[in-house]
Protein backbone atom coordinates (compact mmCIF):
# COMPACT_ATOMS: atom_id res chain seq x y z
CA UNK A 1 0.00 0.00 0.00
CA UNK A 2 1.42 3.39 -0.98
CA UNK A 3 2.03 5.99 1.68
CA UNK A 4 -0.13 9.08 1.33
CA UNK A 5 1.97 11.10 3.80
CA UNK A 6 5.58 12.12 3.32
CA UNK A 7 7.39 13.58 6.32
CA UNK A 8 10.70 15.25 5.48
CA UNK A 9 10.88 17.44 8.57
CA UNK A 10 14.34 18.73 9.43
CA UNK A 11 16.24 16.67 6.87
CA UNK A 12 18.64 19.52 5.92
CA UNK A 13 17.51 19.23 2.31
CA UNK A 14 18.33 22.74 1.10
CA UNK A 15 16.07 22.02 -1.88
CA UNK A 16 13.21 19.60 -2.48
CA UNK A 17 14.22 16.42 -4.34
CA UNK A 18 12.53 16.18 -7.74
CA UNK A 19 11.28 12.71 -6.81
CA UNK A 20 8.90 14.30 -4.29
CA UNK A 21 6.91 15.98 -7.08
CA UNK A 22 6.42 12.61 -8.79
CA UNK A 23 4.35 11.30 -5.86
CA UNK A 24 1.05 12.51 -7.23
CA UNK A 25 -1.09 10.65 -4.69
CA UNK A 26 0.35 12.45 -1.65
CA UNK A 27 -2.25 13.87 0.72
CA UNK A 28 0.14 15.31 3.32
CA UNK A 29 3.62 16.73 2.74
CA UNK A 30 5.91 18.03 5.48
CA UNK A 31 8.92 20.06 4.31
CA UNK A 32 9.44 22.09 7.47
CA UNK A 33 12.85 23.18 8.74
CA UNK A 34 14.93 22.37 5.68
CA UNK A 35 16.53 25.70 4.78
CA UNK A 36 14.41 25.97 1.64
CA UNK A 37 14.81 29.25 -0.24
CA UNK A 38 12.43 28.48 -3.09
CA UNK A 39 9.58 26.15 -3.97
CA UNK A 40 9.24 24.54 -7.37
CA UNK A 41 6.14 25.22 -9.47
CA UNK A 42 5.87 21.43 -9.68
CA UNK A 43 4.14 21.55 -6.30
CA UNK A 44 1.00 22.34 -8.29
CA UNK A 45 1.02 18.77 -9.58
CA UNK A 46 0.23 17.32 -6.17
CA UNK A 47 -3.49 17.58 -6.76
CA UNK A 48 -4.48 15.33 -3.85
CA UNK A 49 -2.69 17.32 -1.13
CA UNK A 50 -4.81 18.16 1.90
CA UNK A 51 -1.96 19.40 4.13
CA UNK A 52 1.27 21.18 3.27
CA UNK A 53 3.86 22.26 5.84
CA UNK A 54 6.49 24.71 4.64
CA UNK A 55 7.21 26.25 8.02
CA UNK A 56 10.63 27.18 9.41
CA UNK A 57 12.37 27.72 6.10
CA UNK A 58 13.76 30.77 4.26
CA UNK A 59 11.17 31.18 1.51
CA UNK A 60 10.81 34.70 0.09
CA UNK A 61 8.03 33.83 -2.36
CA UNK A 62 5.64 31.09 -3.43
CA UNK A 63 4.94 30.01 -7.02
CA UNK A 64 1.59 30.81 -8.61
CA UNK A 65 1.13 27.05 -8.88
CA UNK A 66 0.26 26.94 -5.18
CA UNK A 67 -3.25 27.89 -6.29
CA UNK A 68 -3.58 24.59 -8.15
CA UNK A 69 -3.78 22.66 -4.86
CA UNK A 70 -7.53 22.97 -4.76
CA UNK A 71 -7.97 19.92 -2.49
CA UNK A 72 -5.83 21.58 0.20
CA UNK A 73 -8.26 21.63 3.10
CA UNK A 74 -6.65 20.75 6.41
CA UNK A 75 -3.58 22.96 6.89
CA UNK A 76 -1.20 25.26 5.07
CA UNK A 77 1.77 26.15 7.27
CA UNK A 78 3.90 29.05 6.02
CA UNK A 79 5.09 30.36 9.38
CA UNK A 80 8.69 31.40 10.08
CA UNK A 81 9.81 32.23 6.55
CA UNK A 82 10.74 35.50 4.81
CA UNK A 83 7.52 36.10 2.92
CA UNK A 84 6.36 39.66 2.30
CA UNK A 85 3.61 38.81 -0.22
CA UNK A 86 1.52 35.88 -1.40
CA UNK A 87 0.46 35.08 -4.98
CA UNK A 88 -3.09 36.09 -5.93
CA UNK A 89 -3.71 32.48 -7.01
CA UNK A 90 -3.81 31.49 -3.34
CA UNK A 91 -7.44 32.61 -3.18
CA UNK A 92 -8.36 29.56 -5.28
CA UNK A 93 -7.88 27.36 -2.19
CA UNK A 94 -11.56 27.53 -1.26
CA UNK A 95 -11.47 24.38 0.88
CA UNK A 96 -8.61 25.51 3.12
CA UNK A 97 -9.57 25.72 6.80
CA UNK A 98 -6.30 26.59 8.57
CA UNK A 99 -3.62 29.03 7.42
CA UNK A 100 -0.54 30.10 9.37
CA UNK A 101 1.51 33.01 7.97
CA UNK A 102 3.05 34.05 11.30
CA UNK A 103 6.68 35.15 11.70
CA UNK A 104 7.18 36.47 8.20
CA UNK A 105 7.78 39.94 6.77
CA UNK A 106 4.28 41.05 5.86
CA UNK A 107 3.67 44.77 6.21
CA UNK A 108 0.62 44.69 3.94
CA UNK A 109 -2.05 42.08 4.60
CA UNK A 110 -2.14 39.67 1.62
CA UNK A 111 -5.39 40.35 -0.24
CA UNK A 112 -5.54 36.77 -1.51
CA UNK A 113 -6.12 35.54 2.04
CA UNK A 114 -9.47 37.36 2.10
CA UNK A 115 -10.63 35.13 -0.73
CA UNK A 116 -10.20 32.00 1.38
CA UNK A 117 -13.81 31.94 2.53
CA UNK A 118 -13.49 28.42 3.93
CA UNK A 119 -10.96 29.50 6.58
CA UNK A 120 -11.79 28.60 10.17
CA UNK A 121 -8.48 29.65 11.72
CA UNK A 122 -5.99 32.30 10.59
CA UNK A 123 -2.69 32.98 12.31
CA UNK A 124 -0.79 36.09 11.23
CA UNK A 125 1.18 36.88 14.37
CA UNK A 126 4.66 38.42 14.56
CA UNK A 127 4.62 40.37 11.30
CA UNK A 128 4.69 44.12 10.51
CA UNK A 129 1.02 44.55 9.59
CA UNK A 130 -0.19 48.12 9.97
CA UNK A 131 -3.78 47.58 8.83
CA UNK A 132 -6.36 44.99 7.85
CA UNK A 133 -8.31 45.42 4.60
CA UNK A 134 -12.07 45.89 4.64
CA UNK A 135 -12.27 42.62 2.73
CA UNK A 136 -11.33 40.74 5.93
CA UNK A 137 -15.09 40.61 6.46
CA UNK A 138 -15.33 38.06 3.65
CA UNK A 139 -13.91 35.41 6.00
CA UNK A 140 -17.37 34.72 7.34
CA UNK A 141 -16.56 31.21 8.65
CA UNK A 142 -13.54 32.31 10.67
CA UNK A 143 -13.55 31.16 14.30
CA UNK A 144 -10.05 32.20 15.35
CA UNK A 145 -8.07 35.28 14.27
CA UNK A 146 -4.59 35.64 15.75
CA UNK A 147 -2.84 38.99 15.15
CA UNK A 148 -0.42 39.19 18.08
CA UNK A 149 2.70 41.37 17.75
CA UNK A 150 1.95 43.44 14.68
CA UNK A 151 1.67 47.22 14.23
CA UNK A 152 -2.09 47.56 14.10
CA UNK A 153 -3.49 50.86 15.35
CA UNK A 154 -7.08 50.04 14.41
CA UNK A 155 -9.37 47.40 12.94
CA UNK A 156 -11.88 47.95 10.14
CA UNK A 157 -15.62 48.07 10.87
CA UNK A 158 -16.00 45.12 8.51
CA UNK A 159 -14.94 42.78 11.31
CA UNK A 160 -18.65 42.79 12.20
CA UNK A 161 -19.08 40.31 9.34
CA UNK A 162 -17.01 37.71 11.21
CA UNK A 163 -20.14 36.30 12.80
CA UNK A 164 -18.58 32.93 13.67
CA UNK A 165 -15.52 34.41 15.41
CA UNK A 166 -14.77 32.86 18.83
CA UNK A 167 -11.24 34.12 19.52
CA UNK A 168 -9.57 37.41 18.64
CA UNK A 169 -5.95 37.86 19.72
CA UNK A 170 -4.66 41.44 19.47
CA UNK A 171 -1.82 41.24 21.98
CA UNK A 172 1.18 43.47 21.49
CA UNK A 173 -0.35 45.89 18.97
CA UNK A 174 -0.27 49.72 19.30
CA UNK A 175 -4.05 49.98 19.20
CA UNK A 176 -5.55 53.44 19.48
CA UNK A 177 -9.08 52.12 19.81
CA UNK A 178 -11.43 49.30 18.89
CA UNK A 179 -14.41 49.41 16.53
CA UNK A 180 -17.85 49.02 18.05
CA UNK A 181 -18.30 46.21 15.54
CA UNK A 182 -16.48 43.84 17.91
CA UNK A 183 -19.33 44.19 20.39
CA UNK A 184 -21.67 42.86 17.70
CA UNK A 185 -19.88 39.53 17.29
CA UNK A 186 -22.44 37.07 18.71
CA UNK A 187 -20.10 34.11 19.30
CA UNK A 188 -17.00 35.86 20.63
CA UNK A 189 -15.61 33.92 23.62
CA UNK A 190 -12.13 35.38 24.05
CA UNK A 191 -10.68 38.84 23.34
CA UNK A 192 -7.00 39.22 24.20
CA UNK A 193 -5.75 42.80 24.64
CA UNK A 194 -2.67 42.16 26.76
CA UNK A 195 0.54 44.10 26.07
CA UNK A 196 -1.42 46.73 24.17
CA UNK A 197 -0.33 50.35 24.47
CA UNK A 198 -2.72 52.28 26.70
CA UNK A 199 -5.97 53.33 25.08
CA UNK A 200 -9.42 54.14 26.37
CA UNK A 201 -11.27 50.91 26.95
CA UNK A 202 -14.70 51.15 25.32
CA UNK A 203 -17.73 50.80 27.56
CA UNK A 204 -19.03 47.83 25.63
CA UNK A 205 -16.13 45.69 26.91
CA UNK A 206 -18.15 45.34 30.10
CA UNK A 207 -21.11 44.08 28.07
CA UNK A 208 -18.91 41.44 26.45
CA UNK A 209 -17.70 40.26 29.83
CA UNK A 210 -21.24 40.24 31.21
CA UNK A 211 -22.33 37.80 28.53
CA UNK A 212 -19.40 35.47 29.28
CA UNK A 213 -16.66 36.60 26.89
CA UNK A 214 -13.21 36.43 28.47
CA UNK A 215 -11.40 39.72 27.98
CA UNK A 216 -7.69 39.75 28.82
CA UNK A 217 -6.18 43.22 29.30
């Protein structure tokens, strides 16, 4: 029986062996911690992939072919690389539920991410993000949004569209205020405001706490 998972974690590869791209039936591929500086466009041939781990490498870009992995549904790990942008083709991954782009070099939020309307969890911590686009509201299935340690001074009112959101982590951002839209999120269970520069706490925070939402500040 053929293996549908290939784990090459921390193998000091430097580059991905061409033989990997010939394994067209792979459903999970782990290439984390290998010093990778680029990813071949041949990755787009792995049409059965449901999970791809590219974390802890030195990638500065991804090929447009990443958008051909339309069965990618479980996880896409891109954390701890040198990415400052993502290809627009990424938004074709409509089945993707978990995306981690933490610990990269994003100063502008990648617009393609807002097209991933199947996302349940998004981690974008430890970047240089100064703003979120209004289109963040398109992520209507999102349950967890992790934005710790960025440079966000505000959030857009469109966050009110994140009706399924349970957790919102804003730790370590220079927030100057919060939109009233957060108070309208019916399922919010945890709002983390620790290590935030001093700002006037809105009155509706008390209402959130009264209904059972945990607010850390």
